[in-house]
């Protein structure tokens, strides 16, 4: 068990951003996603971890989501 509770913060506005784990409808993917969720929350101590079910397994759509920088982590060095 984690001794301290941790959160992922966006330094630009000191907002606690959730950690989102995307999971497909495949049983093996769901198991691994939930194991990672347990690891992050119970062992490492992160709060606000979300497992989000995605509906598409289209490779192009998946890669386009990975290559872009999410809004919450862009311009972190801007002060």
PDB file of N, CA and C in Angstrom:
ATOM      1  N   UNK A   1       0.826  -1.181   0.000  1.00  0.00           N
ATOM      2  CA  UNK A   1       0.000   0.000   0.000  1.00  0.00           C
ATOM      3  C   UNK A   1       0.872   1.248   0.000  1.00  0.00           C
ATOM      4  N   UNK A   2       0.365   2.242  -0.695  1.00  0.00           N
ATOM      5  CA  UNK A   2       1.105   3.495  -0.784  1.00  0.00           C
ATOM      6  C   UNK A   2       0.950   4.294   0.504  1.00  0.00           C
ATOM      7  N   UNK A   3       2.027   4.910   0.919  1.00  0.00           N
ATOM      8  CA  UNK A   3       1.995   5.707   2.147  1.00  0.00           C
ATOM      9  C   UNK A   3       1.453   7.108   1.893  1.00  0.00           C
ATOM     10  N   UNK A   4       1.725   7.643   0.717  1.00  0.00           N
ATOM     11  CA  UNK A   4       1.317   9.008   0.399  1.00  0.00           C
ATOM     12  C   UNK A   4       0.409   8.986  -0.818  1.00  0.00           C
ATOM     13  N   UNK A   5      -0.568   9.874  -0.840  1.00  0.00           N
ATOM     14  CA  UNK A   5      -1.452  10.001  -1.989  1.00  0.00           C
ATOM     15  C   UNK A   5      -0.823  10.982  -2.964  1.00  0.00           C
ATOM     16  N   UNK A   6      -0.774  10.607  -4.214  1.00  0.00           N
ATOM     17  CA  UNK A   6      -0.161  11.439  -5.242  1.00  0.00           C
ATOM     18  C   UNK A   6      -1.202  11.808  -6.282  1.00  0.00           C
ATOM     19  N   UNK A   7      -0.935  12.896  -6.991  1.00  0.00           N
ATOM     20  CA  UNK A   7      -1.798  13.282  -8.101  1.00  0.00           C
ATOM     21  C   UNK A   7      -0.932  13.875  -9.190  1.00  0.00           C
ATOM     22  N   UNK A   8      -1.428  13.811 -10.410  1.00  0.00           N
ATOM     23  CA  UNK A   8      -0.741  14.375 -11.555  1.00  0.00           C
ATOM     24  C   UNK A   8      -1.247  15.792 -11.732  1.00  0.00           C
ATOM     25  N   UNK A   9      -0.362  16.785 -11.593  1.00  0.00           N
ATOM     26  CA  UNK A   9      -0.788  18.179 -11.672  1.00  0.00           C
ATOM     27  C   UNK A   9      -0.284  18.831 -12.942  1.00  0.00           C
ATOM     28  N   UNK A  10      -1.137  19.650 -13.517  1.00  0.00           N
ATOM     29  CA  UNK A  10      -0.770  20.489 -14.638  1.00  0.00           C
ATOM     30  C   UNK A  10      -0.177  21.763 -14.049  1.00  0.00           C
ATOM     31  N   UNK A  11       1.099  22.005 -14.288  1.00  0.00           N
ATOM     32  CA  UNK A  11       1.787  23.141 -13.675  1.00  0.00           C
ATOM     33  C   UNK A  11       1.289  24.496 -14.160  1.00  0.00           C
ATOM     34  N   UNK A  12       0.647  24.540 -15.318  1.00  0.00           N
ATOM     35  CA  UNK A  12       0.212  25.827 -15.860  1.00  0.00           C
ATOM     36  C   UNK A  12      -0.856  26.472 -14.985  1.00  0.00           C
ATOM     37  N   UNK A  13      -1.781  25.679 -14.461  1.00  0.00           N
ATOM     38  CA  UNK A  13      -2.845  26.274 -13.644  1.00  0.00           C
ATOM     39  C   UNK A  13      -3.052  25.518 -12.338  1.00  0.00           C
ATOM     40  N   UNK A  14      -2.097  24.680 -11.967  1.00  0.00           N
ATOM     41  CA  UNK A  14      -2.130  23.919 -10.716  1.00  0.00           C
ATOM     42  C   UNK A  14      -3.386  23.052 -10.597  1.00  0.00           C
ATOM     43  N   UNK A  15      -3.849  22.548 -11.736  1.00  0.00           N
ATOM     44  CA  UNK A  15      -5.050  21.720 -11.799  1.00  0.00           C
ATOM     45  C   UNK A  15      -4.648  20.253 -11.696  1.00  0.00           C
ATOM     46  N   UNK A  16      -5.346  19.490 -10.864  1.00  0.00           N
ATOM     47  CA  UNK A  16      -5.071  18.065 -10.741  1.00  0.00           C
ATOM     48  C   UNK A  16      -5.730  17.330 -11.900  1.00  0.00           C
ATOM     49  N   UNK A  17      -4.911  16.870 -12.832  1.00  0.00           N
ATOM     50  CA  UNK A  17      -5.418  16.192 -14.021  1.00  0.00           C
ATOM     51  C   UNK A  17      -5.559  14.701 -13.752  1.00  0.00           C
ATOM     52  N   UNK A  18      -6.600  14.081 -14.293  1.00  0.00           N
ATOM     53  CA  UNK A  18      -6.741  12.636 -14.103  1.00  0.00           C
ATOM     54  C   UNK A  18      -5.753  11.873 -14.972  1.00  0.00           C
ATOM     55  N   UNK A  19      -5.400  10.688 -14.540  1.00  0.00           N
ATOM     56  CA  UNK A  19      -4.620   9.773 -15.364  1.00  0.00           C
ATOM     57  C   UNK A  19      -5.640   8.867 -16.034  1.00  0.00           C
ATOM     58  N   UNK A  20      -5.709   8.914 -17.361  1.00  0.00           N
ATOM     59  CA  UNK A  20      -6.711   8.155 -18.102  1.00  0.00           C
ATOM     60  C   UNK A  20      -6.040   6.966 -18.777  1.00  0.00           C
ATOM     61  N   UNK A  21      -6.568   5.782 -18.497  1.00  0.00           N
ATOM     62  CA  UNK A  21      -6.101   4.543 -19.119  1.00  0.00           C
ATOM     63  C   UNK A  21      -7.189   4.110 -20.087  1.00  0.00           C
ATOM     64  N   UNK A  22      -6.867   4.053 -21.376  1.00  0.00           N
ATOM     65  CA  UNK A  22      -7.861   3.640 -22.359  1.00  0.00           C
ATOM     66  C   UNK A  22      -7.848   2.132 -22.497  1.00  0.00           C
ATOM     67  N   UNK A  23      -9.037   1.540 -22.585  1.00  0.00           N
ATOM     68  CA  UNK A  23      -9.168   0.096 -22.682  1.00  0.00           C
ATOM     69  C   UNK A  23     -10.170  -0.250 -23.772  1.00  0.00           C
ATOM     70  N   UNK A  24      -9.844  -1.254 -24.570  1.00  0.00           N
ATOM     71  CA  UNK A  24     -10.748  -1.691 -25.635  1.00  0.00           C
ATOM     72  C   UNK A  24     -11.716  -2.739 -25.099  1.00  0.00           C
ATOM     73  N   UNK A  25     -12.487  -3.313 -25.978  1.00  0.00           N
ATOM     74  CA  UNK A  25     -13.453  -4.332 -25.586  1.00  0.00           C
ATOM     75  C   UNK A  25     -12.811  -5.719 -25.446  1.00  0.00           C
ATOM     76  N   UNK A  26     -11.549  -5.860 -25.840  1.00  0.00           N
ATOM     77  CA  UNK A  26     -10.869  -7.156 -25.709  1.00  0.00           C
ATOM     78  C   UNK A  26     -10.650  -7.467 -24.238  1.00  0.00           C
ATOM     79  N   UNK A  27     -10.925  -8.706 -23.861  1.00  0.00           N
ATOM     80  CA  UNK A  27     -10.816  -9.115 -22.455  1.00  0.00           C
ATOM     81  C   UNK A  27      -9.395  -8.946 -21.930  1.00  0.00           C
ATOM     82  N   UNK A  28      -8.395  -9.313 -22.743  1.00  0.00           N
ATOM     83  CA  UNK A  28      -7.003  -9.198 -22.290  1.00  0.00           C
ATOM     84  C   UNK A  28      -6.616  -7.740 -22.061  1.00  0.00           C
ATOM     85  N   UNK A  29      -7.103  -6.848 -22.896  1.00  0.00           N
ATOM     86  CA  UNK A  29      -6.801  -5.422 -22.752  1.00  0.00           C
ATOM     87  C   UNK A  29      -7.471  -4.860 -21.498  1.00  0.00           C
ATOM     88  N   UNK A  30      -8.694  -5.303 -21.217  1.00  0.00           N
ATOM     89  CA  UNK A  30      -9.397  -4.846 -20.022  1.00  0.00           C
ATOM     90  C   UNK A  30      -8.702  -5.317 -18.750  1.00  0.00           C
ATOM     91  N   UNK A  31      -8.218  -6.560 -18.758  1.00  0.00           N
ATOM     92  CA  UNK A  31      -7.514  -7.090 -17.581  1.00  0.00           C
ATOM     93  C   UNK A  31      -6.250  -6.288 -17.312  1.00  0.00           C
ATOM     94  N   UNK A  32      -5.444  -6.069 -18.358  1.00  0.00           N
ATOM     95  CA  UNK A  32      -4.188  -5.330 -18.197  1.00  0.00           C
ATOM     96  C   UNK A  32      -4.469  -3.891 -17.762  1.00  0.00           C
ATOM     97  N   UNK A  33      -5.495  -3.266 -18.316  1.00  0.00           N
ATOM     98  CA  UNK A  33      -5.835  -1.887 -17.949  1.00  0.00           C
ATOM     99  C   UNK A  33      -6.247  -1.784 -16.485  1.00  0.00           C
ATOM    100  N   UNK A  34      -7.029  -2.739 -16.007  1.00  0.00           N
ATOM    101  CA  UNK A  34      -7.456  -2.703 -14.613  1.00  0.00           C
ATOM    102  C   UNK A  34      -6.318  -3.061 -13.647  1.00  0.00           C
ATOM    103  N   UNK A  35      -5.410  -3.925 -14.079  1.00  0.00           N
ATOM    104  CA  UNK A  35      -4.230  -4.216 -13.254  1.00  0.00           C
ATOM    105  C   UNK A  35      -3.372  -2.958 -13.130  1.00  0.00           C
ATOM    106  N   UNK A  36      -3.192  -2.223 -14.240  1.00  0.00           N
ATOM    107  CA  UNK A  36      -2.440  -0.967 -14.194  1.00  0.00           C
ATOM    108  C   UNK A  36      -3.139   0.047 -13.291  1.00  0.00           C
ATOM    109  N   UNK A  37      -4.465   0.101 -13.347  1.00  0.00           N
ATOM    110  CA  UNK A  37      -5.232   0.984 -12.477  1.00  0.00           C
ATOM    111  C   UNK A  37      -4.974   0.653 -11.008  1.00  0.00           C
ATOM    112  N   UNK A  38      -5.008  -0.615 -10.657  1.00  0.00           N
ATOM    113  CA  UNK A  38      -4.741  -1.036  -9.275  1.00  0.00           C
ATOM    114  C   UNK A  38      -3.316  -0.685  -8.873  1.00  0.00           C
ATOM    115  N   UNK A  39      -2.356  -0.911  -9.769  1.00  0.00           N
ATOM    116  CA  UNK A  39      -0.952  -0.588  -9.486  1.00  0.00           C
ATOM    117  C   UNK A  39      -0.785   0.903  -9.205  1.00  0.00           C
ATOM    118  N   UNK A  40      -1.376   1.737 -10.057  1.00  0.00           N
ATOM    119  CA  UNK A  40      -1.239   3.184  -9.882  1.00  0.00           C
ATOM    120  C   UNK A  40      -1.913   3.684  -8.606  1.00  0.00           C
ATOM    121  N   UNK A  41      -3.091   3.150  -8.290  1.00  0.00           N
ATOM    122  CA  UNK A  41      -3.828   3.642  -7.119  1.00  0.00           C
ATOM    123  C   UNK A  41      -3.344   3.033  -5.806  1.00  0.00           C
ATOM    124  N   UNK A  42      -3.214   1.724  -5.763  1.00  0.00           N
ATOM    125  CA  UNK A  42      -2.941   1.044  -4.494  1.00  0.00           C
ATOM    126  C   UNK A  42      -1.453   0.965  -4.150  1.00  0.00           C
ATOM    127  N   UNK A  43      -0.618   0.764  -5.157  1.00  0.00           N
ATOM    128  CA  UNK A  43       0.813   0.579  -4.883  1.00  0.00           C
ATOM    129  C   UNK A  43       1.561   1.905  -4.927  1.00  0.00           C
ATOM    130  N   UNK A  44       1.364   2.665  -6.000  1.00  0.00           N
ATOM    131  CA  UNK A  44       2.102   3.919  -6.158  1.00  0.00           C
ATOM    132  C   UNK A  44       1.412   5.064  -5.421  1.00  0.00           C
ATOM    133  N   UNK A  45       0.086   5.020  -5.326  1.00  0.00           N
ATOM    134  CA  UNK A  45      -0.627   6.017  -4.543  1.00  0.00           C
ATOM    135  C   UNK A  45      -1.248   7.157  -5.322  1.00  0.00           C
ATOM    136  N   UNK A  46      -1.401   7.024  -6.631  1.00  0.00           N
ATOM    137  CA  UNK A  46      -2.032   8.085  -7.413  1.00  0.00           C
ATOM    138  C   UNK A  46      -3.529   8.106  -7.159  1.00  0.00           C
ATOM    139  N   UNK A  47      -4.084   9.308  -7.141  1.00  0.00           N
ATOM    140  CA  UNK A  47      -5.534   9.458  -7.048  1.00  0.00           C
ATOM    141  C   UNK A  47      -6.054   9.869  -8.416  1.00  0.00           C
ATOM    142  N   UNK A  48      -7.331   9.766  -8.609  1.00  0.00           N
ATOM    143  CA  UNK A  48      -7.979  10.208  -9.841  1.00  0.00           C
ATOM    144  C   UNK A  48      -7.463   9.461 -11.072  1.00  0.00           C
ATOM    145  N   UNK A  49      -7.443   8.141 -11.001  1.00  0.00           N
ATOM    146  CA  UNK A  49      -7.085   7.290 -12.131  1.00  0.00           C
ATOM    147  C   UNK A  49      -8.380   6.753 -12.729  1.00  0.00           C
ATOM    148  N   UNK A  50      -8.546   6.913 -14.037  1.00  0.00           N
ATOM    149  CA  UNK A  50      -9.780   6.533 -14.715  1.00  0.00           C
ATOM    150  C   UNK A  50      -9.474   5.515 -15.805  1.00  0.00           C
ATOM    151  N   UNK A  51     -10.258   4.433 -15.866  1.00  0.00           N
ATOM    152  CA  UNK A  51     -10.192   3.490 -16.980  1.00  0.00           C
ATOM    153  C   UNK A  51     -11.338   3.843 -17.912  1.00  0.00           C
ATOM    154  N   UNK A  52     -10.985   4.228 -19.140  1.00  0.00           N
ATOM    155  CA  UNK A  52     -11.984   4.675 -20.109  1.00  0.00           C
ATOM    156  C   UNK A  52     -12.106   3.626 -21.207  1.00  0.00           C
ATOM    157  N   UNK A  53     -13.320   3.122 -21.417  1.00  0.00           N
ATOM    158  CA  UNK A  53     -13.561   2.164 -22.492  1.00  0.00           C
ATOM    159  C   UNK A  53     -13.674   2.911 -23.809  1.00  0.00           C
ATOM    160  N   UNK A  54     -12.907   2.450 -24.802  1.00  0.00           N
ATOM    161  CA  UNK A  54     -12.977   3.041 -26.134  1.00  0.00           C
ATOM    162  C   UNK A  54     -13.741   2.087 -27.035  1.00  0.00           C
ATOM    163  N   UNK A  55     -14.431   2.634 -28.014  1.00  0.00           N
ATOM    164  CA  UNK A  55     -15.311   1.821 -28.837  1.00  0.00           C
ATOM    165  C   UNK A  55     -14.682   1.376 -30.142  1.00  0.00           C
ATOM    166  N   UNK A  56     -13.630   2.005 -30.577  1.00  0.00           N
ATOM    167  CA  UNK A  56     -13.062   1.662 -31.871  1.00  0.00           C
ATOM    168  C   UNK A  56     -11.704   0.994 -31.725  1.00  0.00           C
ATOM    169  N   UNK A  57     -11.437   0.074 -32.609  1.00  0.00           N
ATOM    170  CA  UNK A  57     -10.108  -0.535 -32.670  1.00  0.00           C
ATOM    171  C   UNK A  57      -9.429  -0.154 -33.980  1.00  0.00           C
ATOM    172  N   UNK A  58      -9.861   0.941 -34.594  1.00  0.00           N
ATOM    173  CA  UNK A  58      -9.283   1.435 -35.829  1.00  0.00           C
ATOM    174  C   UNK A  58      -7.871   1.933 -35.534  1.00  0.00           C
ATOM    175  N   UNK A  59      -6.895   1.327 -36.186  1.00  0.00           N
ATOM    176  CA  UNK A  59      -5.489   1.637 -35.918  1.00  0.00           C
ATOM    177  C   UNK A  59      -5.163   3.099 -36.203  1.00  0.00           C
ATOM    178  N   UNK A  60      -5.692   3.642 -37.290  1.00  0.00           N
ATOM    179  CA  UNK A  60      -5.412   5.034 -37.644  1.00  0.00           C
ATOM    180  C   UNK A  60      -5.936   5.993 -36.576  1.00  0.00           C
ATOM    181  N   UNK A  61      -7.137   5.761 -36.097  1.00  0.00           N
ATOM    182  CA  UNK A  61      -7.719   6.611 -35.053  1.00  0.00           C
ATOM    183  C   UNK A  61      -6.903   6.513 -33.773  1.00  0.00           C
ATOM    184  N   UNK A  62      -6.499   5.301 -33.420  1.00  0.00           N
ATOM    185  CA  UNK A  62      -5.707   5.099 -32.198  1.00  0.00           C
ATOM    186  C   UNK A  62      -4.367   5.831 -32.294  1.00  0.00           C
ATOM    187  N   UNK A  63      -3.667   5.710 -33.417  1.00  0.00           N
ATOM    188  CA  UNK A  63      -2.366   6.366 -33.571  1.00  0.00           C
ATOM    189  C   UNK A  63      -2.501   7.887 -33.572  1.00  0.00           C
ATOM    190  N   UNK A  64      -3.554   8.406 -34.169  1.00  0.00           N
ATOM    191  CA  UNK A  64      -3.758   9.861 -34.163  1.00  0.00           C
ATOM    192  C   UNK A  64      -3.960  10.396 -32.756  1.00  0.00           C
ATOM    193  N   UNK A  65      -4.585   9.636 -31.873  1.00  0.00           N
ATOM    194  CA  UNK A  65      -4.747  10.076 -30.482  1.00  0.00           C
ATOM    195  C   UNK A  65      -3.417  10.030 -29.734  1.00  0.00           C
ATOM    196  N   UNK A  66      -2.560   9.079 -30.074  1.00  0.00           N
ATOM    197  CA  UNK A  66      -1.284   8.938 -29.367  1.00  0.00           C
ATOM    198  C   UNK A  66      -0.292  10.023 -29.771  1.00  0.00           C
ATOM    199  N   UNK A  67      -0.224  10.369 -31.063  1.00  0.00           N
ATOM    200  CA  UNK A  67       0.808  11.291 -31.531  1.00  0.00           C
ATOM    201  C   UNK A  67       0.565  12.727 -31.098  1.00  0.00           C
ATOM    202  N   UNK A  68      -0.673  13.099 -30.821  1.00  0.00           N
ATOM    203  CA  UNK A  68      -0.966  14.468 -30.408  1.00  0.00           C
ATOM    204  C   UNK A  68      -0.691  14.672 -28.936  1.00  0.00           C
ATOM    205  N   UNK A  69      -0.389  15.894 -28.594  1.00  0.00           N
ATOM    206  CA  UNK A  69      -0.162  16.246 -27.199  1.00  0.00           C
ATOM    207  C   UNK A  69      -1.487  16.687 -26.595  1.00  0.00           C
ATOM    208  N   UNK A  70      -1.923  16.071 -25.495  1.00  0.00           N
ATOM    209  CA  UNK A  70      -3.197  16.488 -24.908  1.00  0.00           C
ATOM    210  C   UNK A  70      -3.142  17.919 -24.393  1.00  0.00           C
ATOM    211  N   UNK A  71      -4.282  18.558 -24.353  1.00  0.00           N
ATOM    212  CA  UNK A  71      -4.368  19.961 -23.939  1.00  0.00           C
ATOM    213  C   UNK A  71      -3.805  20.161 -22.536  1.00  0.00           C
ATOM    214  N   UNK A  72      -4.032  19.204 -21.658  1.00  0.00           N
ATOM    215  CA  UNK A  72      -3.619  19.381 -20.265  1.00  0.00           C
ATOM    216  C   UNK A  72      -2.109  19.400 -20.082  1.00  0.00           C
ATOM    217  N   UNK A  73      -1.347  18.873 -21.035  1.00  0.00           N
ATOM    218  CA  UNK A  73       0.099  18.843 -20.849  1.00  0.00           C
ATOM    219  C   UNK A  73       0.842  19.754 -21.826  1.00  0.00           C
ATOM    220  N   UNK A  74       0.141  20.519 -22.651  1.00  0.00           N
ATOM    221  CA  UNK A  74       0.830  21.414 -23.568  1.00  0.00           C
ATOM    222  C   UNK A  74       1.175  22.726 -22.866  1.00  0.00           C
ATOM    223  N   UNK A  75       2.253  23.332 -23.298  1.00  0.00           N
ATOM    224  CA  UNK A  75       2.717  24.616 -22.770  1.00  0.00           C
ATOM    225  C   UNK A  75       2.961  24.599 -21.267  1.00  0.00           C
ATOM    226  N   UNK A  76       3.547  23.548 -20.763  1.00  0.00           N
ATOM    227  CA  UNK A  76       3.832  23.485 -19.331  1.00  0.00           C
ATOM    228  C   UNK A  76       4.939  24.448 -18.922  1.00  0.00           C
ATOM    229  N   UNK A  77       5.802  24.809 -19.862  1.00  0.00           N
ATOM    230  CA  UNK A  77       6.910  25.704 -19.546  1.00  0.00           C
ATOM    231  C   UNK A  77       6.510  27.169 -19.669  1.00  0.00           C
ATOM    232  N   UNK A  78       5.337  27.445 -20.212  1.00  0.00           N
ATOM    233  CA  UNK A  78       4.878  28.819 -20.384  1.00  0.00           C
ATOM    234  C   UNK A  78       4.466  29.402 -19.033  1.00  0.00           C
ATOM    235  N   UNK A  79       5.015  30.528 -18.652  1.00  0.00           N
ATOM    236  CA  UNK A  79       4.709  31.114 -17.338  1.00  0.00           C
ATOM    237  C   UNK A  79       4.185  32.492 -17.456  1.00  0.00           C
TER     238      UNK A  79
END
